[in-house]
């Protein structure tokens, strides 16, 4: 089921974690690799993705974080 453009979930793929549609590449891997210093081009080559896939992953992560609530002690 597509939950966002280019982002799908399926309980039979990666335990239902969000992935790039049509792949088994989890969003967390893309964002983690970019945070670790990989370039868009390196991630695209490593996982056979398009620039639009990476941008969709970042957009999805941003939307998830926008909804996160943090309790301040």
C-alpha atoms as a PDB file:
ATOM      1  CA  UNK A   1       0.000   0.000   0.000  1.00  0.00           C
ATOM      2  CA  UNK A   2       1.425   3.368  -0.996  1.00  0.00           C
ATOM      3  CA  UNK A   3       1.334   5.713   2.008  1.00  0.00           C
ATOM      4  CA  UNK A   4       3.094   8.640   0.363  1.00  0.00           C
ATOM      5  CA  UNK A   5       4.438   9.300  -3.130  1.00  0.00           C
ATOM      6  CA  UNK A   6       7.197   6.714  -3.785  1.00  0.00           C
ATOM      7  CA  UNK A   7       6.744   5.215  -0.269  1.00  0.00           C
ATOM      8  CA  UNK A   8       4.959   1.915   0.404  1.00  0.00           C
ATOM      9  CA  UNK A   9       4.375  -0.484   3.255  1.00  0.00           C
ATOM     10  CA  UNK A  10       3.701  -4.201   2.997  1.00  0.00           C
ATOM     11  CA  UNK A  11       3.731  -6.559   5.978  1.00  0.00           C
ATOM     12  CA  UNK A  12       5.619  -9.092   3.819  1.00  0.00           C
ATOM     13  CA  UNK A  13       8.428  -6.678   2.941  1.00  0.00           C
ATOM     14  CA  UNK A  14      10.859  -5.564   5.647  1.00  0.00           C
ATOM     15  CA  UNK A  15       8.329  -6.394   8.372  1.00  0.00           C
ATOM     16  CA  UNK A  16       6.001  -3.617   7.169  1.00  0.00           C
ATOM     17  CA  UNK A  17       8.549  -0.830   7.447  1.00  0.00           C
ATOM     18  CA  UNK A  18       8.225   1.989   4.886  1.00  0.00           C
ATOM     19  CA  UNK A  19      10.251   1.307   1.721  1.00  0.00           C
ATOM     20  CA  UNK A  20      10.697   2.895  -1.669  1.00  0.00           C
ATOM     21  CA  UNK A  21       7.820   1.619  -3.797  1.00  0.00           C
ATOM     22  CA  UNK A  22       8.831  -1.330  -5.957  1.00  0.00           C
ATOM     23  CA  UNK A  23      11.969  -2.023  -3.898  1.00  0.00           C
ATOM     24  CA  UNK A  24      12.957  -3.495  -0.555  1.00  0.00           C
ATOM     25  CA  UNK A  25      14.984  -0.386   0.373  1.00  0.00           C
ATOM     26  CA  UNK A  26      13.803   1.005   3.741  1.00  0.00           C
ATOM     27  CA  UNK A  27      13.464   4.743   4.213  1.00  0.00           C
ATOM     28  CA  UNK A  28      15.586   4.535   7.372  1.00  0.00           C
ATOM     29  CA  UNK A  29      18.522   3.149   5.352  1.00  0.00           C
ATOM     30  CA  UNK A  30      18.378   6.008   2.851  1.00  0.00           C
ATOM     31  CA  UNK A  31      18.161   8.703   5.525  1.00  0.00           C
ATOM     32  CA  UNK A  32      20.826   6.987   7.635  1.00  0.00           C
ATOM     33  CA  UNK A  33      23.250   6.734   4.733  1.00  0.00           C
ATOM     34  CA  UNK A  34      22.761  10.391   3.851  1.00  0.00           C
ATOM     35  CA  UNK A  35      23.267  11.353   7.510  1.00  0.00           C
ATOM     36  CA  UNK A  36      26.408   9.223   7.509  1.00  0.00           C
ATOM     37  CA  UNK A  37      27.900  11.266   4.694  1.00  0.00           C
ATOM     38  CA  UNK A  38      26.942   9.426   1.517  1.00  0.00           C
ATOM     39  CA  UNK A  39      25.971  11.657  -1.395  1.00  0.00           C
ATOM     40  CA  UNK A  40      22.699  11.366  -3.296  1.00  0.00           C
ATOM     41  CA  UNK A  41      24.660   9.865  -6.178  1.00  0.00           C
ATOM     42  CA  UNK A  42      26.280   7.227  -3.964  1.00  0.00           C
ATOM     43  CA  UNK A  43      22.937   6.212  -2.460  1.00  0.00           C
ATOM     44  CA  UNK A  44      21.340   6.121  -5.910  1.00  0.00           C
ATOM     45  CA  UNK A  45      24.110   3.884  -7.235  1.00  0.00           C
ATOM     46  CA  UNK A  46      24.184   1.614  -4.157  1.00  0.00           C
ATOM     47  CA  UNK A  47      20.441   0.920  -4.127  1.00  0.00           C
ATOM     48  CA  UNK A  48      19.468   1.566  -7.772  1.00  0.00           C
ATOM     49  CA  UNK A  49      17.260   4.520  -6.866  1.00  0.00           C
ATOM     50  CA  UNK A  50      16.275   7.758  -8.559  1.00  0.00           C
ATOM     51  CA  UNK A  51      16.718  11.245  -7.153  1.00  0.00           C
ATOM     52  CA  UNK A  52      12.933  11.432  -6.711  1.00  0.00           C
ATOM     53  CA  UNK A  53      13.090   8.354  -4.454  1.00  0.00           C
ATOM     54  CA  UNK A  54      15.649   9.992  -2.182  1.00  0.00           C
ATOM     55  CA  UNK A  55      13.691  13.231  -2.025  1.00  0.00           C
ATOM     56  CA  UNK A  56      10.536  11.255  -1.203  1.00  0.00           C
ATOM     57  CA  UNK A  57      12.390   9.479   1.618  1.00  0.00           C
ATOM     58  CA  UNK A  58      13.559  12.784   3.077  1.00  0.00           C
ATOM     59  CA  UNK A  59      10.092  14.289   2.740  1.00  0.00           C
ATOM     60  CA  UNK A  60       8.542  11.292   4.491  1.00  0.00           C
ATOM     61  CA  UNK A  61      11.088  11.475   7.323  1.00  0.00           C
ATOM     62  CA  UNK A  62      10.450  15.209   7.732  1.00  0.00           C
ATOM     63  CA  UNK A  63       6.692  14.638   7.965  1.00  0.00           C
ATOM     64  CA  UNK A  64       7.160  11.906  10.582  1.00  0.00           C
ATOM     65  CA  UNK A  65       9.392  14.185  12.655  1.00  0.00           C
ATOM     66  CA  UNK A  66       6.951  17.067  12.321  1.00  0.00           C
ATOM     67  CA  UNK A  67       4.337  14.946  14.098  1.00  0.00           C
ATOM     68  CA  UNK A  68       6.710  13.775  16.829  1.00  0.00           C
ATOM     69  CA  UNK A  69       6.099  15.134  20.297  1.00  0.00           C
ATOM     70  CA  UNK A  70       8.947  15.315  22.756  1.00  0.00           C
ATOM     71  CA  UNK A  71       8.300  15.624  26.479  1.00  0.00           C
ATOM     72  CA  UNK A  72      10.544  18.169  28.139  1.00  0.00           C
ATOM     73  CA  UNK A  73      11.512  17.196  31.673  1.00  0.00           C
END
